[in-house]
Amino acid sequence: MSIGIWQIAVVVILVVLLFGRGKISSLMGDVAKGIKSFKKGMASDVTEDTEPKNISEDQDTNKQDTNNKE
């Protein structure tokens, strides 16, 4: 059983009748904005991770902080 062109057409017509063209277009605009925001967020995460981190300095400051607390 495969989905035919008539079945797809009936589903599309029902969706347009239920939601209307304006609601569907605004929904698609919101989806596009979400995708762009997600891509922008992923791109900024990659640039932040490329900077090398010096682990020994982080450990030294943590040791000093714990010594100061005691």
C-alpha atoms as a PDB file:
ATOM      1  CA  MET A   1       0.000   0.000   0.000  1.00  0.00           C
ATOM      2  CA  SER A   2       1.615   3.168  -1.176  1.00  0.00           C
ATOM      3  CA  ILE A   3       0.325   6.689  -0.770  1.00  0.00           C
ATOM      4  CA  GLY A   4      -1.159   7.982  -3.999  1.00  0.00           C
ATOM      5  CA  ILE A   5      -1.426  11.488  -5.384  1.00  0.00           C
ATOM      6  CA  TRP A   6      -5.173  11.593  -4.626  1.00  0.00           C
ATOM      7  CA  GLN A   7      -4.619  10.767  -0.978  1.00  0.00           C
ATOM      8  CA  ILE A   8      -2.020  13.506  -0.636  1.00  0.00           C
ATOM      9  CA  ALA A   9      -4.343  15.984  -2.382  1.00  0.00           C
ATOM     10  CA  VAL A  10      -7.220  15.171  -0.006  1.00  0.00           C
ATOM     11  CA  VAL A  11      -4.975  15.653   3.055  1.00  0.00           C
ATOM     12  CA  VAL A  12      -3.688  18.990   1.736  1.00  0.00           C
ATOM     13  CA  ILE A  13      -7.218  20.211   1.031  1.00  0.00           C
ATOM     14  CA  LEU A  14      -8.364  19.223   4.516  1.00  0.00           C
ATOM     15  CA  VAL A  15      -5.427  20.985   6.155  1.00  0.00           C
ATOM     16  CA  VAL A  16      -6.060  24.173   4.165  1.00  0.00           C
ATOM     17  CA  LEU A  17      -9.760  24.068   5.051  1.00  0.00           C
ATOM     18  CA  LEU A  18      -9.090  23.528   8.749  1.00  0.00           C
ATOM     19  CA  PHE A  19      -6.282  26.026   9.279  1.00  0.00           C
ATOM     20  CA  GLY A  20      -6.618  28.475   6.399  1.00  0.00           C
ATOM     21  CA  ARG A  21      -3.874  29.793   4.161  1.00  0.00           C
ATOM     22  CA  GLY A  22      -2.906  32.665   6.487  1.00  0.00           C
ATOM     23  CA  LYS A  23      -2.345  30.432   9.497  1.00  0.00           C
ATOM     24  CA  ILE A  24      -0.254  27.951   7.503  1.00  0.00           C
ATOM     25  CA  SER A  25       1.956  30.671   6.003  1.00  0.00           C
ATOM     26  CA  SER A  26       2.564  32.297   9.396  1.00  0.00           C
ATOM     27  CA  LEU A  27       3.354  28.887  10.878  1.00  0.00           C
ATOM     28  CA  MET A  28       5.883  28.212   8.120  1.00  0.00           C
ATOM     29  CA  GLY A  29       7.454  31.633   8.754  1.00  0.00           C
ATOM     30  CA  ASP A  30       7.845  30.778  12.418  1.00  0.00           C
ATOM     31  CA  VAL A  31       9.430  27.424  11.536  1.00  0.00           C
ATOM     32  CA  ALA A  32      11.903  29.180   9.220  1.00  0.00           C
ATOM     33  CA  LYS A  33      12.847  31.663  11.969  1.00  0.00           C
ATOM     34  CA  GLY A  34      13.397  28.789  14.387  1.00  0.00           C
ATOM     35  CA  ILE A  35      15.665  26.975  11.938  1.00  0.00           C
ATOM     36  CA  LYS A  36      17.705  30.136  11.291  1.00  0.00           C
ATOM     37  CA  SER A  37      18.038  30.747  15.025  1.00  0.00           C
ATOM     38  CA  PHE A  38      19.134  27.153  15.594  1.00  0.00           C
ATOM     39  CA  LYS A  39      21.761  27.357  12.848  1.00  0.00           C
ATOM     40  CA  LYS A  40      23.041  30.655  14.231  1.00  0.00           C
ATOM     41  CA  GLY A  41      23.305  29.155  17.714  1.00  0.00           C
ATOM     42  CA  MET A  42      25.159  26.114  16.427  1.00  0.00           C
ATOM     43  CA  ALA A  43      27.595  28.301  14.483  1.00  0.00           C
ATOM     44  CA  SER A  44      28.404  30.399  17.569  1.00  0.00           C
ATOM     45  CA  ASP A  45      29.011  27.250  19.660  1.00  0.00           C
ATOM     46  CA  VAL A  46      31.560  25.963  17.147  1.00  0.00           C
ATOM     47  CA  THR A  47      33.573  29.196  17.214  1.00  0.00           C
ATOM     48  CA  GLU A  48      33.704  29.207  21.007  1.00  0.00           C
ATOM     49  CA  ASP A  49      34.999  25.622  21.160  1.00  0.00           C
ATOM     50  CA  THR A  50      37.887  26.278  18.758  1.00  0.00           C
ATOM     51  CA  GLU A  51      39.758  28.382  21.319  1.00  0.00           C
ATOM     52  CA  PRO A  52      42.377  26.298  23.142  1.00  0.00           C
ATOM     53  CA  LYS A  53      41.969  26.036  26.875  1.00  0.00           C
ATOM     54  CA  ASN A  54      44.816  25.789  29.328  1.00  0.00           C
ATOM     55  CA  ILE A  55      43.703  23.193  31.847  1.00  0.00           C
ATOM     56  CA  SER A  56      46.661  23.649  34.180  1.00  0.00           C
ATOM     57  CA  GLU A  57      45.776  27.299  34.839  1.00  0.00           C
ATOM     58  CA  ASP A  58      42.194  26.315  35.634  1.00  0.00           C
ATOM     59  CA  GLN A  59      43.387  23.689  38.101  1.00  0.00           C
ATOM     60  CA  ASP A  60      45.839  26.118  39.715  1.00  0.00           C
ATOM     61  CA  THR A  61      43.117  28.708  40.311  1.00  0.00           C
ATOM     62  CA  ASN A  62      40.816  26.031  41.739  1.00  0.00           C
ATOM     63  CA  LYS A  63      43.539  24.934  44.185  1.00  0.00           C
ATOM     64  CA  GLN A  64      44.097  28.542  45.250  1.00  0.00           C
ATOM     65  CA  ASP A  65      40.371  29.056  45.755  1.00  0.00           C
ATOM     66  CA  THR A  66      40.087  25.989  47.962  1.00  0.00           C
ATOM     67  CA  ASN A  67      43.161  27.001  49.962  1.00  0.00           C
ATOM     68  CA  ASN A  68      41.699  30.466  50.541  1.00  0.00           C
ATOM     69  CA  LYS A  69      38.429  28.949  51.827  1.00  0.00           C
ATOM     70  CA  GLU A  70      40.157  26.914  54.502  1.00  0.00           C
END
